Structures are given as structure tokens and as C-alpha cells.
Amino acid sequence: MWEGVFKGSRWLVGIGLLGLSWHWGTKEQDPIDVMRLLLAALTFFGGVAVMWKPIFYLATRPLMALVDGIFLPGGRLEKPLLNLKLPAHYLDEARYEEALAEYQQIMKHYPDETEAYEKSIWLEAAVFKRQSAARAVLKKAKQRRLALDPLMVSLAEARGQE
């Protein structure tokens, strides 16, 4: 609720400041009044600062349409591109939570990617010691009839019995 009120008041204040700036900069300059001109400049910059987000959006929309037309001629992608390097990089730096989150995203968008299941099982069972979560990932992989590394399967099943 408050977000809409804040957005509306931002538009109102921004347009008011820009209108005031135009009035002081043009209408009251028959004999040039330097103070009114400086005041017009300050209110103009204040109005632009208040309205920066919508102004920036409107100014960059044509450029973004051009870039999208060049790099994505068929339109936006339905799912992100498969990137296995980022979670591998996270694993190399021992950023296990972030790696697991990336593997879960890969499993969501590419459910037949076996590496994501194997690494998730390894993270859950060996690193985080969450056997039930490792078994849940193994169960998802078995439901999809994926051929996983036998070591990962035994890791999830053997640790689950302890």
C-alpha cells in the first residue's frame, strides 16, 4: 500500500519541481533575474533527482530494445542459459551455500542435468551433513530416471542409514 503512495507522491513532487523550474526559468525572465535562474536550475536538478528512476527507464528503453533485437532476435529466453561454471567456481572457493543454490536453480530449469543432482547430493551429504536432503535429491533424480554416479548414490544411501 505505502509503495503506491510513495510512488504517486514522488511523481507529484517531481513534476511539481520540474514545472516550477520551467516557470522560474522562462516566464519570470523578461528582465533577466539571476537569482530566479539559479533557483530554476536548483529546482530542475531536484525534480530530475526525484524522478530519476522513471526518467532513466524511459531514456534507456529504446537502447535496451535495440540491444535485445541484436542479441535476442527471437525474444526473451524462457529459462536462463545453462551455466555449470559458476557453481563450480563457488565450490572452488568453498562457498558451499551459494553453490548449492545455483545447483538447485539448474535442477529447476534443467531437470535432466545429472551433474547438478550429483553435486547437490555431495554437498548435502558430505558437506552439510543433511542426509534427509541428500535422499530427497536422490529421490528426485530417480523419479527422473537419471543415471547418476554410483558413488553419489551410495553416499546418499549409506549416510542415510547411519
N, C-alpha and C. Protein backbone atom coordinates (compact mmCIF):
# COMPACT_ATOMS: atom_id res chain seq x y z
N MET A 1 0.82 -1.18 0.00
CA MET A 1 0.00 0.00 0.00
C MET A 1 0.87 1.25 0.00
N TRP A 2 1.84 1.31 0.91
CA TRP A 2 2.67 2.51 1.02
C TRP A 2 3.55 2.70 -0.20
N GLU A 3 3.88 1.61 -0.88
CA GLU A 3 4.72 1.73 -2.07
C GLU A 3 4.01 2.53 -3.15
N GLY A 4 2.73 2.29 -3.33
CA GLY A 4 1.95 3.03 -4.32
C GLY A 4 1.80 4.49 -3.94
N VAL A 5 1.61 4.77 -2.65
CA VAL A 5 1.50 6.15 -2.17
C VAL A 5 2.83 6.87 -2.38
N PHE A 6 3.93 6.20 -2.05
CA PHE A 6 5.24 6.81 -2.21
C PHE A 6 5.53 7.07 -3.68
N LYS A 7 5.17 6.13 -4.54
CA LYS A 7 5.40 6.30 -5.98
C LYS A 7 4.58 7.47 -6.51
N GLY A 8 3.33 7.56 -6.11
CA GLY A 8 2.47 8.66 -6.55
C GLY A 8 2.96 10.01 -6.05
N SER A 9 3.37 10.05 -4.79
CA SER A 9 3.87 11.32 -4.26
C SER A 9 5.19 11.71 -4.90
N ARG A 10 6.02 10.72 -5.25
CA ARG A 10 7.28 11.02 -5.94
C ARG A 10 7.00 11.64 -7.31
N TRP A 11 6.03 11.07 -8.04
CA TRP A 11 5.66 11.65 -9.33
C TRP A 11 5.13 13.07 -9.15
N LEU A 12 4.29 13.26 -8.16
CA LEU A 12 3.69 14.57 -7.93
C LEU A 12 4.76 15.61 -7.58
N VAL A 13 5.65 15.28 -6.67
CA VAL A 13 6.71 16.21 -6.28
C VAL A 13 7.67 16.46 -7.45
N GLY A 14 8.03 15.41 -8.17
CA GLY A 14 8.95 15.57 -9.29
C GLY A 14 8.38 16.43 -10.39
N ILE A 15 7.14 16.20 -10.77
CA ILE A 15 6.52 17.01 -11.82
C ILE A 15 6.31 18.44 -11.33
N GLY A 16 5.98 18.58 -10.05
CA GLY A 16 5.84 19.92 -9.49
C GLY A 16 7.15 20.70 -9.53
N LEU A 17 8.24 20.05 -9.16
CA LEU A 17 9.54 20.73 -9.20
C LEU A 17 9.96 21.06 -10.62
N LEU A 18 9.71 20.15 -11.56
CA LEU A 18 10.06 20.44 -12.95
C LEU A 18 9.20 21.57 -13.52
N GLY A 19 7.93 21.58 -13.16
CA GLY A 19 7.05 22.68 -13.61
C GLY A 19 7.47 24.01 -13.01
N LEU A 20 7.81 24.00 -11.74
CA LEU A 20 8.27 25.23 -11.08
C LEU A 20 9.58 25.72 -11.70
N SER A 21 10.44 24.78 -12.02
CA SER A 21 11.69 25.13 -12.67
C SER A 21 11.44 25.77 -14.04
N TRP A 22 10.53 25.21 -14.80
CA TRP A 22 10.20 25.78 -16.11
C TRP A 22 9.61 27.18 -15.96
N HIS A 23 8.73 27.32 -14.98
CA HIS A 23 8.10 28.63 -14.75
C HIS A 23 9.14 29.69 -14.38
N TRP A 24 10.01 29.35 -13.42
CA TRP A 24 11.02 30.33 -13.00
C TRP A 24 12.07 30.57 -14.08
N GLY A 25 12.34 29.56 -14.89
CA GLY A 25 13.37 29.71 -15.91
C GLY A 25 12.91 30.40 -17.17
N THR A 26 11.60 30.40 -17.44
CA THR A 26 11.14 31.01 -18.69
C THR A 26 10.20 32.19 -18.47
N LYS A 27 9.19 32.04 -17.67
CA LYS A 27 8.16 33.07 -17.52
C LYS A 27 8.63 34.29 -16.75
N GLU A 28 9.49 34.11 -15.79
CA GLU A 28 9.91 35.23 -14.96
C GLU A 28 11.30 35.73 -15.35
N GLN A 29 11.62 35.65 -16.63
CA GLN A 29 12.93 36.08 -17.09
C GLN A 29 12.84 37.22 -18.11
N ASP A 30 11.77 38.02 -18.05
CA ASP A 30 11.65 39.13 -19.00
C ASP A 30 12.82 40.08 -18.82
N PRO A 31 13.01 40.69 -17.65
CA PRO A 31 14.36 41.19 -17.38
C PRO A 31 15.09 40.03 -16.70
N ILE A 32 16.27 39.69 -17.15
CA ILE A 32 16.98 38.52 -16.64
C ILE A 32 17.24 38.69 -15.15
N ASP A 33 16.72 37.72 -14.38
CA ASP A 33 16.88 37.71 -12.94
C ASP A 33 17.76 36.50 -12.60
N VAL A 34 18.98 36.76 -12.20
CA VAL A 34 19.95 35.70 -11.96
C VAL A 34 19.53 34.80 -10.80
N MET A 35 18.97 35.36 -9.76
CA MET A 35 18.54 34.56 -8.61
C MET A 35 17.42 33.59 -9.01
N ARG A 36 16.46 34.07 -9.81
CA ARG A 36 15.38 33.20 -10.27
C ARG A 36 15.94 32.12 -11.20
N LEU A 37 16.93 32.46 -12.00
CA LEU A 37 17.54 31.49 -12.90
C LEU A 37 18.27 30.40 -12.11
N LEU A 38 19.00 30.79 -11.06
CA LEU A 38 19.68 29.81 -10.20
C LEU A 38 18.66 28.95 -9.46
N LEU A 39 17.59 29.57 -8.98
CA LEU A 39 16.55 28.84 -8.30
C LEU A 39 15.88 27.85 -9.28
N ALA A 40 15.69 28.26 -10.52
CA ALA A 40 15.13 27.37 -11.54
C ALA A 40 16.06 26.18 -11.78
N ALA A 41 17.36 26.43 -11.84
CA ALA A 41 18.32 25.35 -12.05
C ALA A 41 18.29 24.37 -10.88
N LEU A 42 18.25 24.89 -9.66
CA LEU A 42 18.20 24.02 -8.48
C LEU A 42 16.92 23.18 -8.45
N THR A 43 15.78 23.79 -8.75
CA THR A 43 14.54 23.01 -8.74
C THR A 43 14.52 22.01 -9.90
N PHE A 44 15.15 22.37 -11.03
CA PHE A 44 15.24 21.40 -12.14
C PHE A 44 16.03 20.17 -11.71
N PHE A 45 17.21 20.39 -11.11
CA PHE A 45 18.02 19.25 -10.67
C PHE A 45 17.32 18.48 -9.55
N GLY A 46 16.59 19.16 -8.69
CA GLY A 46 15.81 18.48 -7.66
C GLY A 46 14.71 17.62 -8.27
N GLY A 47 14.01 18.16 -9.28
CA GLY A 47 12.97 17.40 -9.95
C GLY A 47 13.52 16.18 -10.67
N VAL A 48 14.68 16.35 -11.32
CA VAL A 48 15.31 15.21 -12.00
C VAL A 48 15.76 14.17 -10.99
N ALA A 49 16.29 14.62 -9.85
CA ALA A 49 16.74 13.67 -8.82
C ALA A 49 15.56 12.88 -8.26
N VAL A 50 14.44 13.53 -8.05
CA VAL A 50 13.26 12.84 -7.51
C VAL A 50 12.69 11.87 -8.55
N MET A 51 12.74 12.25 -9.81
CA MET A 51 12.15 11.45 -10.89
C MET A 51 13.18 10.60 -11.62
N TRP A 52 14.35 10.38 -11.03
CA TRP A 52 15.43 9.72 -11.73
C TRP A 52 15.07 8.33 -12.25
N LYS A 53 14.44 7.51 -11.44
CA LYS A 53 14.15 6.13 -11.85
C LYS A 53 13.25 6.07 -13.08
N PRO A 54 12.10 6.74 -13.11
CA PRO A 54 11.29 6.68 -14.34
C PRO A 54 11.95 7.37 -15.53
N ILE A 55 12.68 8.46 -15.30
CA ILE A 55 13.37 9.13 -16.40
C ILE A 55 14.42 8.20 -16.99
N PHE A 56 15.18 7.54 -16.14
CA PHE A 56 16.21 6.62 -16.61
C PHE A 56 15.59 5.45 -17.38
N TYR A 57 14.47 4.94 -16.88
CA TYR A 57 13.79 3.84 -17.55
C TYR A 57 13.31 4.27 -18.94
N LEU A 58 12.68 5.43 -19.03
CA LEU A 58 12.18 5.91 -20.32
C LEU A 58 13.32 6.24 -21.28
N ALA A 59 14.43 6.72 -20.76
CA ALA A 59 15.56 7.07 -21.63
C ALA A 59 16.29 5.84 -22.15
N THR A 60 16.35 4.79 -21.36
CA THR A 60 17.12 3.61 -21.78
C THR A 60 16.27 2.54 -22.46
N ARG A 61 14.97 2.67 -22.44
CA ARG A 61 14.12 1.65 -23.06
C ARG A 61 14.41 1.47 -24.56
N PRO A 62 14.58 2.54 -25.35
CA PRO A 62 14.92 2.32 -26.77
C PRO A 62 16.27 1.63 -26.96
N LEU A 63 17.25 1.99 -26.14
CA LEU A 63 18.56 1.35 -26.24
C LEU A 63 18.46 -0.13 -25.87
N MET A 64 17.72 -0.45 -24.84
CA MET A 64 17.57 -1.85 -24.45
C MET A 64 16.80 -2.64 -25.51
N ALA A 65 15.84 -2.01 -26.18
CA ALA A 65 15.13 -2.68 -27.26
C ALA A 65 16.07 -2.98 -28.42
N LEU A 66 16.98 -2.06 -28.71
CA LEU A 66 17.97 -2.28 -29.76
C LEU A 66 18.90 -3.43 -29.38
N VAL A 67 19.40 -3.42 -28.16
CA VAL A 67 20.30 -4.49 -27.70
C VAL A 67 19.58 -5.83 -27.71
N ASP A 68 18.33 -5.87 -27.24
CA ASP A 68 17.56 -7.11 -27.26
C ASP A 68 17.33 -7.59 -28.70
N GLY A 69 17.10 -6.67 -29.61
CA GLY A 69 16.91 -7.04 -31.00
C GLY A 69 18.16 -7.64 -31.62
N ILE A 70 19.32 -7.17 -31.19
CA ILE A 70 20.58 -7.69 -31.73
C ILE A 70 20.93 -9.03 -31.10
N PHE A 71 20.90 -9.11 -29.79
CA PHE A 71 21.37 -10.30 -29.10
C PHE A 71 20.29 -11.35 -28.86
N LEU A 72 19.04 -10.96 -28.83
CA LEU A 72 17.95 -11.90 -28.62
C LEU A 72 16.89 -11.71 -29.71
N PRO A 73 17.22 -12.03 -30.96
CA PRO A 73 16.27 -11.75 -32.05
C PRO A 73 14.97 -12.54 -31.94
N GLY A 74 14.98 -13.66 -31.26
CA GLY A 74 13.76 -14.46 -31.10
C GLY A 74 12.95 -14.06 -29.89
N GLY A 75 13.37 -13.06 -29.18
CA GLY A 75 12.67 -12.64 -27.96
C GLY A 75 13.42 -13.12 -26.73
N ARG A 76 12.86 -12.83 -25.58
CA ARG A 76 13.48 -13.22 -24.32
C ARG A 76 13.44 -14.73 -24.15
N LEU A 77 14.44 -15.24 -23.43
CA LEU A 77 14.50 -16.68 -23.17
C LEU A 77 13.53 -17.05 -22.05
N GLU A 78 12.99 -18.25 -22.14
CA GLU A 78 12.07 -18.70 -21.11
C GLU A 78 12.79 -19.11 -19.84
N LYS A 79 14.02 -19.61 -20.00
CA LYS A 79 14.79 -20.02 -18.84
C LYS A 79 16.23 -19.55 -19.05
N PRO A 80 16.98 -19.39 -17.96
CA PRO A 80 18.36 -18.91 -18.10
C PRO A 80 19.24 -19.94 -18.81
N LEU A 81 20.32 -19.46 -19.38
CA LEU A 81 21.27 -20.35 -20.03
C LEU A 81 21.93 -21.25 -19.00
N LEU A 82 22.24 -22.46 -19.43
CA LEU A 82 22.88 -23.42 -18.53
C LEU A 82 24.31 -22.97 -18.26
N ASN A 83 24.63 -22.78 -16.98
CA ASN A 83 25.96 -22.34 -16.60
C ASN A 83 26.44 -23.21 -15.44
N LEU A 84 27.32 -24.15 -15.75
CA LEU A 84 27.86 -25.02 -14.71
C LEU A 84 29.17 -24.48 -14.15
N LYS A 85 29.70 -23.43 -14.76
CA LYS A 85 30.97 -22.88 -14.28
C LYS A 85 30.81 -22.09 -12.99
N LEU A 86 29.70 -21.38 -12.85
CA LEU A 86 29.51 -20.57 -11.65
C LEU A 86 29.44 -21.41 -10.38
N PRO A 87 28.61 -22.47 -10.32
CA PRO A 87 28.62 -23.27 -9.08
C PRO A 87 29.96 -23.98 -8.86
N ALA A 88 30.65 -24.35 -9.95
CA ALA A 88 31.97 -24.97 -9.79
C ALA A 88 32.95 -23.96 -9.20
N HIS A 89 32.84 -22.72 -9.62
CA HIS A 89 33.69 -21.66 -9.05
C HIS A 89 33.39 -21.48 -7.57
N TYR A 90 32.10 -21.49 -7.22
CA TYR A 90 31.72 -21.39 -5.81
C TYR A 90 32.29 -22.55 -5.01
N LEU A 91 32.28 -23.75 -5.57
CA LEU A 91 32.85 -24.90 -4.87
C LEU A 91 34.35 -24.73 -4.66
N ASP A 92 35.04 -24.21 -5.69
CA ASP A 92 36.49 -24.00 -5.57
C ASP A 92 36.82 -23.01 -4.47
N GLU A 93 35.94 -22.04 -4.26
CA GLU A 93 36.18 -21.02 -3.23
C GLU A 93 35.53 -21.38 -1.89
N ALA A 94 35.01 -22.59 -1.76
CA ALA A 94 34.37 -23.08 -0.54
C ALA A 94 33.15 -22.24 -0.16
N ARG A 95 32.44 -21.75 -1.15
CA ARG A 95 31.19 -21.01 -0.94
C ARG A 95 30.05 -22.00 -1.22
N TYR A 96 29.88 -22.93 -0.27
CA TYR A 96 29.01 -24.08 -0.49
C TYR A 96 27.53 -23.72 -0.56
N GLU A 97 27.08 -22.80 0.27
CA GLU A 97 25.66 -22.42 0.25
C GLU A 97 25.29 -21.84 -1.11
N GLU A 98 26.15 -20.96 -1.65
CA GLU A 98 25.87 -20.36 -2.95
C GLU A 98 25.92 -21.40 -4.06
N ALA A 99 26.86 -22.34 -3.96
CA ALA A 99 26.96 -23.39 -4.96
C ALA A 99 25.70 -24.25 -4.95
N LEU A 100 25.23 -24.59 -3.76
CA LEU A 100 24.02 -25.40 -3.65
C LEU A 100 22.82 -24.66 -4.23
N ALA A 101 22.72 -23.37 -3.96
CA ALA A 101 21.61 -22.58 -4.52
C ALA A 101 21.67 -22.57 -6.05
N GLU A 102 22.86 -22.45 -6.61
CA GLU A 102 23.00 -22.48 -8.07
C GLU A 102 22.61 -23.85 -8.63
N TYR A 103 23.05 -24.91 -7.96
CA TYR A 103 22.68 -26.25 -8.44
C TYR A 103 21.17 -26.47 -8.34
N GLN A 104 20.54 -25.93 -7.33
CA GLN A 104 19.09 -26.06 -7.23
C GLN A 104 18.39 -25.30 -8.35
N GLN A 105 18.92 -24.14 -8.73
CA GLN A 105 18.37 -23.41 -9.87
C GLN A 105 18.54 -24.21 -11.16
N ILE A 106 19.69 -24.85 -11.32
CA ILE A 106 19.93 -25.66 -12.51
C ILE A 106 18.95 -26.83 -12.54
N MET A 107 18.73 -27.47 -11.38
CA MET A 107 17.78 -28.58 -11.34
C MET A 107 16.36 -28.11 -11.66
N LYS A 108 16.04 -26.89 -11.29
CA LYS A 108 14.71 -26.35 -11.57
C LYS A 108 14.53 -26.11 -13.06
N HIS A 109 15.52 -25.48 -13.71
CA HIS A 109 15.37 -25.11 -15.11
C HIS A 109 15.84 -26.20 -16.08
N TYR A 110 16.76 -27.04 -15.65
CA TYR A 110 17.27 -28.14 -16.48
C TYR A 110 17.20 -29.43 -15.68
N PRO A 111 16.02 -30.00 -15.55
CA PRO A 111 15.84 -31.14 -14.65
C PRO A 111 16.55 -32.42 -15.09
N ASP A 112 17.08 -32.48 -16.30
CA ASP A 112 17.78 -33.69 -16.75
C ASP A 112 19.29 -33.56 -16.68
N GLU A 113 19.79 -32.51 -16.05
CA GLU A 113 21.24 -32.29 -15.91
C GLU A 113 21.75 -33.07 -14.70
N THR A 114 22.46 -34.16 -14.96
CA THR A 114 22.87 -35.06 -13.87
C THR A 114 23.91 -34.43 -12.95
N GLU A 115 24.77 -33.58 -13.48
CA GLU A 115 25.83 -33.00 -12.64
C GLU A 115 25.24 -32.20 -11.48
N ALA A 116 24.16 -31.49 -11.74
CA ALA A 116 23.53 -30.70 -10.67
C ALA A 116 23.02 -31.60 -9.55
N TYR A 117 22.45 -32.75 -9.90
CA TYR A 117 21.97 -33.68 -8.88
C TYR A 117 23.13 -34.29 -8.11
N GLU A 118 24.17 -34.68 -8.82
CA GLU A 118 25.31 -35.32 -8.15
C GLU A 118 25.99 -34.36 -7.18
N LYS A 119 26.22 -33.13 -7.63
CA LYS A 119 26.90 -32.16 -6.76
C LYS A 119 26.00 -31.76 -5.59
N SER A 120 24.71 -31.70 -5.82
CA SER A 120 23.79 -31.37 -4.73
C SER A 120 23.79 -32.48 -3.68
N ILE A 121 23.80 -33.73 -4.13
CA ILE A 121 23.86 -34.85 -3.20
C ILE A 121 25.15 -34.79 -2.40
N TRP A 122 26.26 -34.53 -3.08
CA TRP A 122 27.55 -34.45 -2.39
C TRP A 122 27.56 -33.32 -1.37
N LEU A 123 27.04 -32.16 -1.76
CA LEU A 123 27.00 -31.03 -0.82
C LEU A 123 26.12 -31.34 0.38
N GLU A 124 24.95 -31.87 0.13
CA GLU A 124 24.03 -32.15 1.23
C GLU A 124 24.57 -33.23 2.17
N ALA A 125 25.11 -34.30 1.60
CA ALA A 125 25.53 -35.44 2.43
C ALA A 125 26.90 -35.21 3.06
N ALA A 126 27.89 -34.81 2.28
CA ALA A 126 29.26 -34.74 2.78
C ALA A 126 29.60 -33.41 3.44
N VAL A 127 29.10 -32.32 2.89
CA VAL A 127 29.49 -31.01 3.41
C VAL A 127 28.56 -30.56 4.53
N PHE A 128 27.25 -30.56 4.26
CA PHE A 128 26.30 -30.03 5.23
C PHE A 128 25.77 -31.08 6.19
N LYS A 129 26.04 -32.36 5.93
CA LYS A 129 25.60 -33.47 6.79
C LYS A 129 24.08 -33.49 6.95
N ARG A 130 23.38 -33.17 5.87
CA ARG A 130 21.91 -33.21 5.88
C ARG A 130 21.50 -34.41 5.03
N GLN A 131 21.41 -35.54 5.68
CA GLN A 131 21.15 -36.79 4.96
C GLN A 131 19.76 -36.83 4.35
N SER A 132 18.78 -36.29 5.05
CA SER A 132 17.42 -36.32 4.50
C SER A 132 17.32 -35.49 3.23
N ALA A 133 18.03 -34.37 3.20
CA ALA A 133 18.02 -33.54 1.99
C ALA A 133 18.74 -34.26 0.85
N ALA A 134 19.81 -34.97 1.15
CA ALA A 134 20.53 -35.72 0.12
C ALA A 134 19.65 -36.84 -0.43
N ARG A 135 18.91 -37.51 0.45
CA ARG A 135 18.00 -38.55 -0.01
C ARG A 135 16.87 -37.96 -0.85
N ALA A 136 16.42 -36.76 -0.51
CA ALA A 136 15.36 -36.13 -1.30
C ALA A 136 15.85 -35.79 -2.71
N VAL A 137 17.08 -35.33 -2.81
CA VAL A 137 17.65 -35.04 -4.13
C VAL A 137 17.82 -36.33 -4.92
N LEU A 138 18.28 -37.39 -4.25
CA LEU A 138 18.42 -38.70 -4.90
C LEU A 138 17.06 -39.22 -5.38
N LYS A 139 16.04 -39.02 -4.57
CA LYS A 139 14.69 -39.45 -4.95
C LYS A 139 14.22 -38.71 -6.19
N LYS A 140 14.48 -37.38 -6.26
CA LYS A 140 14.10 -36.61 -7.45
C LYS A 140 14.82 -37.15 -8.69
N ALA A 141 16.11 -37.46 -8.53
CA ALA A 141 16.89 -37.97 -9.66
C ALA A 141 16.36 -39.33 -10.12
N LYS A 142 15.98 -40.17 -9.15
CA LYS A 142 15.45 -41.48 -9.51
C LYS A 142 14.09 -41.36 -10.18
N GLN A 143 13.29 -40.39 -9.76
CA GLN A 143 12.00 -40.18 -10.40
C GLN A 143 12.17 -39.74 -11.86
N ARG A 144 13.23 -39.01 -12.13
CA ARG A 144 13.51 -38.58 -13.50
C ARG A 144 14.27 -39.64 -14.28
N ARG A 145 14.61 -40.75 -13.61
CA ARG A 145 15.34 -41.87 -14.21
C ARG A 145 16.68 -41.42 -14.78
N LEU A 146 17.40 -40.66 -13.97
CA LEU A 146 18.74 -40.19 -14.37
C LEU A 146 19.79 -41.21 -13.95
N ALA A 147 20.82 -41.36 -14.76
CA ALA A 147 21.92 -42.26 -14.44
C ALA A 147 22.97 -41.48 -13.66
N LEU A 148 22.95 -41.64 -12.36
CA LEU A 148 23.89 -40.92 -11.50
C LEU A 148 25.12 -41.76 -11.25
N ASP A 149 26.16 -41.10 -10.81
CA ASP A 149 27.40 -41.77 -10.43
C ASP A 149 27.09 -42.69 -9.24
N PRO A 150 27.48 -43.98 -9.31
CA PRO A 150 27.18 -44.90 -8.21
C PRO A 150 27.77 -44.44 -6.87
N LEU A 151 28.87 -43.72 -6.91
CA LEU A 151 29.46 -43.21 -5.67
C LEU A 151 28.52 -42.22 -4.98
N MET A 152 27.86 -41.36 -5.76
CA MET A 152 26.93 -40.39 -5.19
C MET A 152 25.68 -41.09 -4.65
N VAL A 153 25.22 -42.10 -5.37
CA VAL A 153 24.05 -42.86 -4.91
C VAL A 153 24.37 -43.55 -3.59
N SER A 154 25.53 -44.19 -3.52
CA SER A 154 25.90 -44.88 -2.27
C SER A 154 26.15 -43.88 -1.15
N LEU A 155 26.67 -42.68 -1.49
CA LEU A 155 26.89 -41.65 -0.48
C LEU A 155 25.57 -41.24 0.16
N ALA A 156 24.57 -41.01 -0.67
CA ALA A 156 23.27 -40.60 -0.14
C ALA A 156 22.60 -41.74 0.63
N GLU A 157 22.70 -42.96 0.11
CA GLU A 157 22.02 -44.07 0.76
C GLU A 157 22.77 -44.56 2.00
N ALA A 158 24.09 -44.66 1.94
CA ALA A 158 24.86 -45.16 3.07
C ALA A 158 24.82 -44.19 4.25
N ARG A 159 24.97 -42.94 3.96
CA ARG A 159 24.94 -41.96 5.05
C ARG A 159 23.55 -41.87 5.65
N GLY A 160 22.55 -42.16 4.83
CA GLY A 160 21.19 -42.08 5.33
C GLY A 160 20.87 -43.18 6.33
N GLN A 161 21.63 -44.27 6.29
CA GLN A 161 21.37 -45.38 7.21
C GLN A 161 22.03 -45.16 8.55
N GLU A 162 23.00 -44.26 8.61
CA GLU A 162 23.71 -44.03 9.87
C GLU A 162 22.85 -43.35 10.90
